[in-house]
Amino acid sequence: MLAVKVHNLTLKNPVMTASGTFGYGEEFADFVDLNRLGGFIVKGTTGEHREGNPYPRMAETPSGMLNAVGLQNGGVKKFCSEVYHRIKDLDTNIIVNVSGSSIEEYCDVASQIDALDRIPAIELNISCPNVKKGGMGFGTNPEMAAQVVSEVRKVYHKTLIVKLTPNVTSIVDIAKAVEAAGADSVSLINTMLGMAIDVERRRPYLSTITGGLSGPCVKPVAVRMVWQVAHAVQIPVIGLGGIASASDALEFLMAGAKAIQVGTANFIDPAVTMKIVDGLEDYCKRHGISDINDIIGII
């Protein structure tokens, strides 16, 4: 009833988790049956260990949150030698979010993940700043986005998902560029650039001044962008941005997403993904839908 395909990945259901909100899955094992998920995406993984940005790096906003964690992680070698062996036998799709500050770093991380048998896909985070281009995000320019995807495609041989930033003039142009460069799927949206100020202290809440906005407040923008991209590319689209219920997930599926990711809602309710899976099953039964693919992209 709920099974879907994203390129070569078969998902038991369309429900996945978003990178940076679910750790390595282990942290949520007491709250959810990880094997019931369509898949989960581990936190952003870089070439070397990163401590992330200085505190404070998270702040609540109306209907959402700002974060500037800064890709805190132990680096790809630690993931391969330690974390992978603890999670590899789970009966679900384990996907690694790959991040970097240069094309060389992206390729190095991707090639090391490529060697892991039980990791069937990576999600390429092209929102990262390109240090060789003065800090401009790889994903904000079609040519730069295509270049990093093309180079990673040469060293990575499994399903390549590219995560798109909404902080662009035309997300459709970026999606088309990465599709032409070899992406097997796109996921969108990543966080939107935002800022909040503490008026009593007269300073920004975040140490980095600006950060990534996520949560229910971004959902209408995310649904719109998913709908636009799904009509513009031939590869599968994965939708995310403010999903906190089965109804939210259904909006993305009807807009054209083959699967969805739950992010910020995991912080509010660690068991939310199970409730969404149950909610999708209930919706299909109530509406006499035998295959959820029948409603994907009906808008």
Protein backbone atom coordinates (compact mmCIF):
# COMPACT_ATOMS: atom_id res chain seq x y z
CA MET A 1 0.00 0.00 0.00
CA LEU A 2 2.69 2.53 1.01
CA ALA A 3 5.76 1.25 -0.89
CA VAL A 4 7.46 3.76 -3.22
CA LYS A 5 10.62 3.84 -5.32
CA VAL A 6 13.22 6.59 -5.46
CA HIS A 7 15.50 5.65 -8.34
CA ASN A 8 16.91 2.26 -7.27
CA LEU A 9 15.74 2.57 -3.67
CA THR A 10 12.63 0.68 -2.62
CA LEU A 11 11.06 2.30 0.43
CA LYS A 12 8.51 0.49 2.62
CA ASN A 13 6.72 3.80 2.88
CA PRO A 14 7.45 7.39 1.85
CA VAL A 15 8.52 8.51 5.34
CA MET A 16 12.17 9.35 5.90
CA THR A 17 13.96 11.68 8.29
CA ALA A 18 15.93 14.81 7.47
CA SER A 19 19.65 15.10 7.98
CA GLY A 20 20.71 16.91 11.14
CA THR A 21 17.47 16.18 12.99
CA PHE A 22 17.83 12.44 13.59
CA GLY A 23 21.48 11.98 14.52
CA TYR A 24 22.62 8.53 13.39
CA GLY A 25 19.24 6.95 14.07
CA GLU A 26 20.45 5.35 17.29
CA GLU A 27 19.37 8.36 19.31
CA PHE A 28 15.73 7.71 18.37
CA ALA A 29 15.69 3.92 18.78
CA ASP A 30 13.86 4.18 22.13
CA PHE A 31 11.04 6.16 20.51
CA VAL A 32 10.54 4.66 17.04
CA ASP A 33 10.96 1.35 15.25
CA LEU A 34 13.73 2.38 12.87
CA ASN A 35 12.93 -0.60 10.65
CA ARG A 36 9.45 0.82 9.96
CA LEU A 37 10.88 3.94 8.33
CA GLY A 38 11.20 4.19 4.57
CA GLY A 39 14.71 5.37 5.35
CA PHE A 40 16.67 7.82 7.45
CA ILE A 41 19.39 10.27 6.59
CA VAL A 42 22.29 10.59 8.99
CA LYS A 43 23.73 13.93 9.99
CA GLY A 44 25.93 15.86 7.57
CA THR A 45 29.28 14.12 7.13
CA THR A 46 32.43 15.99 6.10
CA GLY A 47 36.01 15.06 5.27
CA GLU A 48 37.38 15.98 8.68
CA HIS A 49 36.04 16.32 12.21
CA ARG A 50 34.08 19.54 12.76
CA GLU A 51 33.15 21.13 16.07
CA GLY A 52 30.52 23.33 14.46
CA ASN A 53 29.76 26.96 15.21
CA PRO A 54 30.05 28.58 18.66
CA TYR A 55 27.00 28.75 20.92
CA PRO A 56 24.28 29.97 20.87
CA ARG A 57 23.43 28.24 17.62
CA MET A 58 19.72 27.45 17.90
CA ALA A 59 16.76 29.73 18.52
CA GLU A 60 12.99 29.29 18.50
CA THR A 61 10.91 31.47 16.20
CA PRO A 62 7.15 31.65 15.64
CA SER A 63 6.16 28.31 14.06
CA GLY A 64 9.75 27.29 13.55
CA MET A 65 13.37 27.44 14.60
CA LEU A 66 16.69 28.87 13.48
CA ASN A 67 19.84 26.80 13.57
CA ALA A 68 23.48 27.46 12.85
CA VAL A 69 24.99 24.23 14.18
CA GLY A 70 27.61 24.23 11.45
CA LEU A 71 27.82 20.56 10.45
CA GLN A 72 29.20 19.28 13.74
CA ASN A 73 30.35 15.70 13.11
CA GLY A 74 33.23 13.31 13.62
CA GLY A 75 34.28 13.19 9.97
CA VAL A 76 33.90 10.49 7.34
CA LYS A 77 36.62 8.18 8.66
CA LYS A 78 34.99 8.00 12.08
CA PHE A 79 31.62 7.32 10.46
CA CYS A 80 33.05 4.47 8.39
CA SER A 81 35.07 2.89 11.20
CA GLU A 82 32.65 3.32 14.11
CA VAL A 83 29.12 4.49 13.36
CA TYR A 84 28.52 2.40 10.24
CA HIS A 85 29.07 -0.90 12.02
CA ARG A 86 26.50 -0.01 14.69
CA ILE A 87 23.67 0.79 12.25
CA LYS A 88 24.42 -1.18 9.08
CA ASP A 89 22.15 -4.14 9.91
CA LEU A 90 18.97 -2.11 10.28
CA ASP A 91 16.24 -3.17 7.86
CA THR A 92 15.75 0.21 6.21
CA ASN A 93 17.49 2.56 3.78
CA ILE A 94 20.39 4.29 5.52
CA ILE A 95 21.44 7.37 3.58
CA VAL A 96 24.44 9.57 4.37
CA ASN A 97 24.26 13.33 3.94
CA VAL A 98 27.55 14.42 2.36
CA SER A 99 28.84 17.95 2.87
CA GLY A 100 32.00 19.83 2.02
CA SER A 101 33.71 23.13 1.36
CA SER A 102 35.33 22.12 -1.92
CA ILE A 103 34.62 19.75 -4.77
CA GLU A 104 37.60 17.69 -3.68
CA GLU A 105 36.13 17.23 -0.20
CA TYR A 106 32.74 16.21 -1.59
CA CYS A 107 34.39 13.63 -3.83
CA ASP A 108 36.60 12.27 -1.06
CA VAL A 109 33.66 11.76 1.31
CA ALA A 110 31.43 10.30 -1.40
CA SER A 111 34.06 7.80 -2.55
CA GLN A 112 34.58 6.54 1.01
CA ILE A 113 30.83 6.12 1.53
CA ASP A 114 30.60 4.36 -1.84
CA ALA A 115 32.64 1.49 -0.41
CA LEU A 116 30.10 0.76 2.35
CA ASP A 117 27.86 -2.12 1.25
CA ARG A 118 24.84 -1.26 3.42
CA ILE A 119 24.62 2.41 2.44
CA PRO A 120 22.58 2.48 -0.81
CA ALA A 121 22.56 6.24 -1.34
CA ILE A 122 24.01 9.59 -0.39
CA GLU A 123 22.32 12.96 -0.15
CA LEU A 124 24.62 15.68 -1.45
CA ASN A 125 24.19 18.90 0.52
CA ILE A 126 25.05 21.60 -2.00
CA SER A 127 24.02 24.43 0.31
CA CYS A 128 27.58 24.42 1.69
CA PRO A 129 29.82 27.45 1.02
CA ASN A 130 32.48 27.01 -1.66
CA VAL A 131 35.61 28.35 0.03
CA LYS A 132 37.34 28.76 -3.35
CA LYS A 133 34.55 31.04 -4.56
CA GLY A 134 34.46 33.38 -1.57
CA GLY A 135 31.86 31.44 0.38
CA MET A 136 29.08 31.34 -2.20
CA GLY A 137 26.91 28.25 -1.73
CA PHE A 138 27.45 25.55 -4.37
CA GLY A 139 23.71 25.23 -4.78
CA THR A 140 22.97 28.88 -5.51
CA ASN A 141 24.36 28.82 -9.03
CA PRO A 142 23.36 26.29 -11.72
CA GLU A 143 26.88 25.97 -13.12
CA MET A 144 28.48 25.43 -9.71
CA ALA A 145 25.76 22.97 -8.71
CA ALA A 146 26.22 21.00 -11.91
CA GLN A 147 29.99 20.95 -11.51
CA VAL A 148 30.00 19.45 -8.01
CA VAL A 149 27.36 16.86 -8.96
CA SER A 150 29.24 15.92 -12.12
CA GLU A 151 32.49 15.37 -10.23
CA VAL A 152 30.84 13.36 -7.44
CA ARG A 153 29.04 11.27 -10.05
CA LYS A 154 32.43 10.10 -11.32
CA VAL A 155 33.36 8.55 -7.96
CA TYR A 156 29.96 7.57 -6.55
CA HIS A 157 28.10 4.69 -8.18
CA LYS A 158 24.89 4.25 -6.15
CA THR A 159 21.80 6.43 -5.83
CA LEU A 160 22.80 10.09 -5.77
CA ILE A 161 20.26 12.44 -4.19
CA VAL A 162 21.02 16.16 -4.35
CA LYS A 163 19.57 18.41 -1.63
CA LEU A 164 18.55 21.80 -2.96
CA THR A 165 18.62 25.14 -1.19
CA PRO A 166 15.57 27.43 -1.42
CA ASN A 167 17.78 30.53 -1.19
CA VAL A 168 17.84 31.03 -4.96
CA THR A 169 15.97 32.96 -7.60
CA SER A 170 14.84 29.84 -9.49
CA ILE A 171 15.05 26.44 -7.82
CA VAL A 172 13.83 24.89 -11.08
CA ASP A 173 17.01 26.00 -12.85
CA ILE A 174 19.15 24.39 -10.15
CA ALA A 175 17.12 21.18 -10.27
CA LYS A 176 17.45 20.92 -14.04
CA ALA A 177 21.19 21.57 -13.82
CA VAL A 178 21.85 18.80 -11.30
CA GLU A 179 19.60 16.39 -13.20
CA ALA A 180 21.64 16.99 -16.35
CA ALA A 181 24.85 16.50 -14.36
CA GLY A 182 23.85 13.03 -13.17
CA ALA A 183 21.66 13.34 -10.08
CA ASP A 184 19.29 10.39 -9.58
CA SER A 185 16.92 12.37 -7.34
CA VAL A 186 16.57 15.77 -5.69
CA SER A 187 15.41 16.58 -2.15
CA LEU A 188 13.99 19.97 -1.24
CA ILE A 189 13.90 22.25 0.55
CA ASN A 190 16.88 22.79 2.78
CA THR A 191 16.52 25.56 5.38
CA MET A 192 15.75 29.14 4.43
CA LEU A 193 18.14 31.90 5.52
CA GLY A 194 16.70 33.77 8.51
CA MET A 195 17.57 35.96 11.46
CA ALA A 196 16.12 36.80 14.88
CA ILE A 197 17.09 39.59 17.29
CA ASP A 198 16.88 39.68 21.09
CA VAL A 199 15.57 43.21 21.58
CA GLU A 200 16.36 43.27 25.32
CA ARG A 201 20.02 42.44 24.77
CA ARG A 202 20.05 44.22 21.40
CA ARG A 203 21.90 41.47 19.62
CA PRO A 204 21.08 38.52 17.35
CA TYR A 205 20.04 35.28 19.04
CA LEU A 206 22.59 33.28 17.00
CA SER A 207 26.35 33.61 17.29
CA THR A 208 26.51 33.57 13.49
CA ILE A 209 23.83 36.31 13.25
CA THR A 210 21.90 34.43 10.54
CA GLY A 211 20.90 30.78 10.37
CA GLY A 212 18.68 28.21 8.72
CA LEU A 213 14.94 28.59 9.26
CA SER A 214 12.89 25.38 9.44
CA GLY A 215 9.58 24.16 10.79
CA PRO A 216 5.91 24.69 9.90
CA CYS A 217 6.55 28.29 8.85
CA VAL A 218 8.43 27.17 5.71
CA LYS A 219 5.95 24.51 4.58
CA PRO A 220 3.94 26.55 2.05
CA VAL A 221 7.17 27.64 0.35
CA ALA A 222 8.45 24.06 0.34
CA VAL A 223 5.23 22.63 -1.12
CA ARG A 224 5.31 25.26 -3.87
CA MET A 225 8.91 24.51 -4.75
CA VAL A 226 8.34 20.75 -4.76
CA TRP A 227 5.38 21.21 -7.09
CA GLN A 228 7.46 23.40 -9.44
CA VAL A 229 10.44 21.03 -9.52
CA ALA A 230 8.33 17.88 -9.89
CA HIS A 231 6.84 19.35 -13.06
CA ALA A 232 10.26 20.34 -14.41
CA VAL A 233 12.45 17.24 -13.97
CA GLN A 234 12.13 13.53 -14.77
CA ILE A 235 13.98 12.27 -11.68
CA PRO A 236 12.17 11.57 -8.38
CA VAL A 237 11.61 14.45 -5.98
CA ILE A 238 11.81 14.07 -2.19
CA GLY A 239 9.92 16.75 -0.27
CA LEU A 240 10.70 18.28 3.10
CA GLY A 241 10.05 21.45 5.01
CA GLY A 242 7.73 21.76 7.99
CA ILE A 243 6.20 18.28 7.85
CA ALA A 244 4.67 17.38 11.22
CA SER A 245 1.67 15.19 10.36
CA ALA A 246 0.31 12.75 7.80
CA SER A 247 -1.72 15.59 6.32
CA ASP A 248 1.46 17.62 5.79
CA ALA A 249 3.13 14.63 4.16
CA LEU A 250 0.17 14.13 1.84
CA GLU A 251 0.42 17.71 0.62
CA PHE A 252 3.98 17.05 -0.55
CA LEU A 253 3.06 13.72 -2.14
CA MET A 254 0.14 15.25 -4.01
CA ALA A 255 2.41 18.08 -5.15
CA GLY A 256 4.70 15.50 -6.76
CA ALA A 257 7.11 14.20 -4.12
CA LYS A 258 7.79 10.45 -4.26
CA ALA A 259 8.87 10.48 -0.62
CA ILE A 260 9.16 12.95 2.25
CA GLN A 261 11.53 13.78 5.08
CA VAL A 262 10.55 14.79 8.61
CA GLY A 263 12.94 17.22 10.26
CA THR A 264 12.22 19.81 12.94
CA ALA A 265 9.12 17.91 14.15
CA ASN A 266 11.46 15.19 15.49
CA PHE A 267 12.63 17.64 18.15
CA ILE A 268 9.07 18.26 19.33
CA ASP A 269 7.82 14.67 19.18
CA PRO A 270 10.50 11.96 18.77
CA ALA A 271 7.81 9.47 17.68
CA VAL A 272 6.26 11.70 15.01
CA THR A 273 7.49 9.58 12.09
CA MET A 274 5.58 6.53 13.33
CA LYS A 275 2.44 8.65 13.68
CA ILE A 276 2.88 9.85 10.09
CA VAL A 277 3.27 6.28 8.78
CA ASP A 278 0.14 5.25 10.68
CA GLY A 279 -1.68 8.33 9.40
CA LEU A 280 -0.82 7.55 5.78
CA GLU A 281 -2.09 4.00 6.20
CA ASP A 282 -5.31 5.30 7.72
CA TYR A 283 -5.79 7.83 4.92
CA CYS A 284 -5.39 5.18 2.24
CA LYS A 285 -7.87 2.87 3.97
CA ARG A 286 -10.45 5.63 4.45
CA HIS A 287 -10.22 6.68 0.81
CA GLY A 288 -10.01 3.20 -0.68
CA ILE A 289 -6.49 3.75 -2.01
CA SER A 290 -4.62 0.47 -2.54
CA ASP A 291 -1.39 2.09 -3.76
CA ILE A 292 -0.17 5.44 -2.47
CA ASN A 293 1.56 6.03 -5.81
CA ASP A 294 -1.91 6.68 -7.23
CA ILE A 295 -2.06 10.05 -5.48
CA ILE A 296 1.54 11.14 -6.00
CA GLY A 297 1.63 14.22 -8.23
CA ILE A 298 -2.14 14.49 -8.67
CA ILE A 299 -2.04 18.27 -8.29
